[in-house]
């Protein structure tokens, strides 16, 4: 569930609320009871959790962290080694 930020146009009170995406936006300010709350646009903060999400997960043995190698050249340097191994097999 996302956390939404709200600001009251009447008194300037700001708050955050954990709500379902399908939930209706809040309208009443808890500070001054005016129906002037508006939802703010803010940076999304999220966390991917669980198995299989990250290329940067802990690797064992000789496996490298490909995401930390600098991007596109890590795949290019790996390709000739793989094609050479496949040709000899």
N, C-alpha and C. Protein backbone atom coordinates (compact mmCIF):
# COMPACT_ATOMS: atom_id res chain seq x y z
N UNK A 1 0.84 -1.19 0.00
CA UNK A 1 0.00 0.00 0.00
C UNK A 1 0.88 1.24 0.00
N UNK A 2 0.54 2.21 -0.84
CA UNK A 2 1.34 3.43 -0.89
C UNK A 2 1.03 4.39 0.27
N UNK A 3 1.99 5.24 0.52
CA UNK A 3 1.82 6.31 1.52
C UNK A 3 1.58 7.60 0.74
N UNK A 4 0.46 8.23 1.01
CA UNK A 4 0.10 9.48 0.34
C UNK A 4 0.35 10.66 1.27
N UNK A 5 0.78 11.77 0.69
CA UNK A 5 0.96 13.01 1.43
C UNK A 5 -0.20 13.94 1.14
N UNK A 6 -0.67 14.60 2.18
CA UNK A 6 -1.77 15.56 2.06
C UNK A 6 -1.37 16.88 2.68
N UNK A 7 -1.97 17.95 2.18
CA UNK A 7 -1.77 19.28 2.76
C UNK A 7 -3.12 19.98 2.82
N UNK A 8 -3.37 20.64 3.95
CA UNK A 8 -4.61 21.39 4.13
C UNK A 8 -4.41 22.80 3.55
N UNK A 9 -5.28 23.20 2.66
CA UNK A 9 -5.20 24.54 2.07
C UNK A 9 -5.65 25.62 3.05
N UNK A 10 -6.41 25.24 4.07
CA UNK A 10 -6.90 26.22 5.05
C UNK A 10 -5.84 26.57 6.09
N UNK A 11 -5.21 25.55 6.68
CA UNK A 11 -4.28 25.82 7.78
C UNK A 11 -2.83 25.44 7.48
N UNK A 12 -2.58 24.75 6.35
CA UNK A 12 -1.22 24.39 5.98
C UNK A 12 -0.71 23.11 6.63
N UNK A 13 -1.55 22.43 7.40
CA UNK A 13 -1.16 21.17 8.06
C UNK A 13 -0.82 20.11 7.01
N UNK A 14 0.26 19.38 7.22
CA UNK A 14 0.66 18.30 6.32
C UNK A 14 0.62 16.99 7.07
N UNK A 15 0.23 15.92 6.34
CA UNK A 15 0.20 14.61 6.95
C UNK A 15 0.45 13.54 5.90
N UNK A 16 0.82 12.37 6.36
CA UNK A 16 1.00 11.20 5.50
C UNK A 16 -0.01 10.15 5.92
N UNK A 17 -0.54 9.42 4.96
CA UNK A 17 -1.55 8.40 5.26
C UNK A 17 -1.28 7.17 4.40
N UNK A 18 -1.23 6.01 5.03
CA UNK A 18 -1.08 4.74 4.34
C UNK A 18 -2.47 4.31 3.88
N UNK A 19 -2.67 4.25 2.56
CA UNK A 19 -3.98 3.94 1.99
C UNK A 19 -3.85 2.97 0.82
N UNK A 20 -4.93 2.25 0.57
CA UNK A 20 -5.00 1.44 -0.64
C UNK A 20 -5.08 2.36 -1.85
N UNK A 21 -4.64 1.86 -2.99
CA UNK A 21 -4.71 2.65 -4.21
C UNK A 21 -6.17 2.97 -4.56
N UNK A 22 -7.05 2.02 -4.28
CA UNK A 22 -8.47 2.19 -4.62
C UNK A 22 -9.23 3.05 -3.61
N UNK A 23 -8.61 3.43 -2.49
CA UNK A 23 -9.28 4.23 -1.46
C UNK A 23 -9.51 5.66 -1.95
N UNK A 24 -10.61 6.23 -1.53
CA UNK A 24 -10.92 7.63 -1.87
C UNK A 24 -9.96 8.56 -1.15
N UNK A 25 -9.55 9.66 -1.78
CA UNK A 25 -8.66 10.62 -1.12
C UNK A 25 -9.32 11.23 0.11
N UNK A 26 -8.51 11.56 1.10
CA UNK A 26 -9.02 12.23 2.30
C UNK A 26 -9.42 13.66 1.94
N UNK A 27 -10.42 14.19 2.64
CA UNK A 27 -10.86 15.56 2.39
C UNK A 27 -10.87 16.42 3.64
N UNK A 28 -11.08 15.83 4.81
CA UNK A 28 -11.18 16.59 6.05
C UNK A 28 -9.86 16.64 6.79
N UNK A 29 -9.43 17.85 7.13
CA UNK A 29 -8.18 18.06 7.85
C UNK A 29 -8.35 17.65 9.31
N UNK A 30 -7.43 16.81 9.84
CA UNK A 30 -7.54 16.42 11.25
C UNK A 30 -7.15 17.55 12.21
N UNK A 31 -6.49 18.58 11.71
CA UNK A 31 -6.05 19.68 12.55
C UNK A 31 -7.13 20.75 12.72
N UNK A 32 -7.74 21.18 11.61
CA UNK A 32 -8.72 22.29 11.69
C UNK A 32 -10.13 21.87 11.28
N UNK A 33 -10.33 20.62 10.90
CA UNK A 33 -11.63 20.07 10.49
C UNK A 33 -12.21 20.70 9.23
N UNK A 34 -11.43 21.43 8.48
CA UNK A 34 -11.90 22.00 7.21
C UNK A 34 -11.81 20.92 6.13
N UNK A 35 -12.68 21.01 5.15
CA UNK A 35 -12.68 20.06 4.03
C UNK A 35 -11.78 20.58 2.91
N UNK A 36 -10.51 20.83 3.25
CA UNK A 36 -9.57 21.46 2.33
C UNK A 36 -8.31 20.64 2.07
N UNK A 37 -8.32 19.34 2.38
CA UNK A 37 -7.13 18.52 2.15
C UNK A 37 -6.97 18.23 0.66
N UNK A 38 -5.75 18.36 0.19
CA UNK A 38 -5.42 17.98 -1.18
C UNK A 38 -4.24 17.03 -1.15
N UNK A 39 -4.27 16.05 -2.05
CA UNK A 39 -3.19 15.08 -2.14
C UNK A 39 -2.03 15.71 -2.89
N UNK A 40 -0.83 15.57 -2.35
CA UNK A 40 0.36 16.13 -2.95
C UNK A 40 1.04 15.10 -3.84
N UNK A 41 1.75 15.58 -4.83
CA UNK A 41 2.57 14.72 -5.67
C UNK A 41 3.95 14.69 -5.03
N UNK A 42 4.42 13.51 -4.70
CA UNK A 42 5.72 13.40 -4.05
C UNK A 42 6.49 12.24 -4.65
N UNK A 43 7.76 12.17 -4.33
CA UNK A 43 8.61 11.10 -4.83
C UNK A 43 8.17 9.77 -4.25
N UNK A 44 8.09 8.79 -5.11
CA UNK A 44 7.68 7.46 -4.66
C UNK A 44 8.85 6.75 -4.01
N UNK A 45 8.61 6.23 -2.85
CA UNK A 45 9.60 5.41 -2.18
C UNK A 45 9.08 3.99 -2.13
N UNK A 46 9.88 3.04 -2.60
CA UNK A 46 9.42 1.67 -2.57
C UNK A 46 10.60 0.74 -2.34
N UNK A 47 10.28 -0.46 -1.95
CA UNK A 47 11.31 -1.44 -1.67
C UNK A 47 10.87 -2.76 -2.29
N UNK A 48 11.74 -3.35 -3.06
CA UNK A 48 11.48 -4.66 -3.61
C UNK A 48 11.99 -5.69 -2.61
N UNK A 49 11.13 -6.59 -2.20
CA UNK A 49 11.52 -7.59 -1.21
C UNK A 49 11.16 -8.98 -1.72
N UNK A 50 11.89 -9.95 -1.24
CA UNK A 50 11.60 -11.32 -1.63
C UNK A 50 12.71 -11.88 -2.49
N UNK A 51 12.61 -13.15 -2.77
CA UNK A 51 13.64 -13.81 -3.56
C UNK A 51 13.52 -13.52 -5.04
N UNK A 52 14.65 -13.41 -5.70
CA UNK A 52 14.67 -13.27 -7.14
C UNK A 52 14.48 -11.88 -7.70
N UNK A 53 14.48 -10.87 -6.89
CA UNK A 53 14.23 -9.51 -7.38
C UNK A 53 15.49 -8.81 -7.84
N UNK A 54 16.60 -9.07 -7.20
CA UNK A 54 17.77 -8.23 -7.38
C UNK A 54 18.89 -8.93 -8.13
N UNK A 55 19.54 -8.21 -9.03
CA UNK A 55 20.78 -8.69 -9.62
C UNK A 55 21.90 -8.54 -8.60
N UNK A 56 21.71 -7.67 -7.62
CA UNK A 56 22.74 -7.38 -6.63
C UNK A 56 22.63 -8.25 -5.40
N UNK A 57 21.82 -9.30 -5.44
CA UNK A 57 21.73 -10.21 -4.30
C UNK A 57 23.09 -10.81 -4.01
N UNK A 58 23.22 -11.36 -2.82
CA UNK A 58 24.48 -11.98 -2.45
C UNK A 58 24.72 -13.19 -3.34
N UNK A 59 25.87 -13.21 -3.96
CA UNK A 59 26.25 -14.29 -4.87
C UNK A 59 27.27 -15.18 -4.16
N UNK A 60 27.31 -16.44 -4.52
CA UNK A 60 28.29 -17.34 -3.94
C UNK A 60 29.30 -17.76 -5.00
N UNK A 61 30.45 -18.15 -4.56
CA UNK A 61 31.47 -18.63 -5.48
C UNK A 61 32.05 -17.53 -6.33
N UNK A 62 32.27 -17.81 -7.62
CA UNK A 62 32.90 -16.86 -8.52
C UNK A 62 31.92 -15.97 -9.26
N UNK A 63 30.66 -16.00 -8.89
CA UNK A 63 29.67 -15.17 -9.58
C UNK A 63 29.89 -13.71 -9.24
N UNK A 64 29.79 -12.85 -10.23
CA UNK A 64 30.00 -11.43 -10.03
C UNK A 64 28.69 -10.69 -9.88
N UNK A 65 28.77 -9.56 -9.26
CA UNK A 65 27.64 -8.66 -9.16
C UNK A 65 27.63 -7.82 -10.44
N UNK A 66 26.81 -8.17 -11.41
CA UNK A 66 26.82 -7.52 -12.71
C UNK A 66 26.36 -6.07 -12.65
N UNK A 67 25.48 -5.75 -11.72
CA UNK A 67 24.96 -4.39 -11.63
C UNK A 67 26.03 -3.41 -11.18
N UNK A 68 27.03 -3.86 -10.46
CA UNK A 68 28.06 -2.97 -9.95
C UNK A 68 29.27 -2.85 -10.86
N UNK A 69 29.27 -3.55 -12.00
CA UNK A 69 30.43 -3.54 -12.88
C UNK A 69 30.50 -2.33 -13.79
N UNK A 70 29.47 -1.54 -13.88
CA UNK A 70 29.51 -0.36 -14.71
C UNK A 70 28.55 -0.42 -15.88
N UNK A 71 27.69 -1.40 -15.91
CA UNK A 71 26.62 -1.38 -16.89
C UNK A 71 26.84 -2.24 -18.10
N UNK A 72 26.80 -1.62 -19.30
CA UNK A 72 26.68 -2.34 -20.55
C UNK A 72 27.93 -3.15 -20.92
N UNK A 73 29.12 -2.73 -20.51
CA UNK A 73 30.32 -3.46 -20.92
C UNK A 73 30.46 -4.79 -20.21
N UNK A 74 29.75 -5.01 -19.09
CA UNK A 74 29.86 -6.28 -18.39
C UNK A 74 29.24 -7.40 -19.21
N UNK A 75 28.15 -7.15 -19.92
CA UNK A 75 27.54 -8.15 -20.78
C UNK A 75 28.36 -8.39 -22.02
N UNK A 76 29.02 -7.35 -22.56
CA UNK A 76 29.82 -7.48 -23.77
C UNK A 76 31.08 -8.29 -23.49
N UNK A 77 31.70 -8.11 -22.34
CA UNK A 77 32.92 -8.84 -22.04
C UNK A 77 32.62 -10.29 -21.70
N UNK A 78 31.42 -10.59 -21.27
CA UNK A 78 31.04 -11.94 -20.90
C UNK A 78 30.68 -12.77 -22.13
N UNK A 79 30.14 -12.14 -23.17
CA UNK A 79 29.64 -12.85 -24.34
C UNK A 79 30.71 -13.66 -25.07
N UNK A 80 31.94 -13.15 -25.35
CA UNK A 80 32.93 -13.95 -26.07
C UNK A 80 33.35 -15.19 -25.30
N UNK A 81 33.45 -15.10 -23.99
CA UNK A 81 33.84 -16.26 -23.19
C UNK A 81 32.78 -17.35 -23.29
N UNK A 82 31.53 -16.97 -23.28
CA UNK A 82 30.45 -17.94 -23.37
C UNK A 82 30.41 -18.56 -24.76
N UNK A 83 30.59 -17.77 -25.82
CA UNK A 83 30.53 -18.30 -27.16
C UNK A 83 31.71 -19.21 -27.44
N UNK A 84 32.87 -18.91 -26.89
CA UNK A 84 34.04 -19.76 -27.04
C UNK A 84 33.85 -21.10 -26.35
N UNK A 85 33.24 -21.07 -25.18
CA UNK A 85 33.00 -22.29 -24.43
C UNK A 85 31.97 -23.15 -25.14
N UNK A 86 30.97 -22.52 -25.77
CA UNK A 86 29.93 -23.26 -26.47
C UNK A 86 30.50 -23.88 -27.74
N UNK A 87 31.45 -23.23 -28.40
CA UNK A 87 32.03 -23.74 -29.64
C UNK A 87 32.91 -24.95 -29.37
N UNK A 88 33.61 -24.97 -28.22
CA UNK A 88 34.48 -26.09 -27.91
C UNK A 88 33.73 -27.29 -27.40
N UNK A 89 32.48 -27.13 -26.98
CA UNK A 89 31.70 -28.24 -26.42
C UNK A 89 31.05 -29.09 -27.45
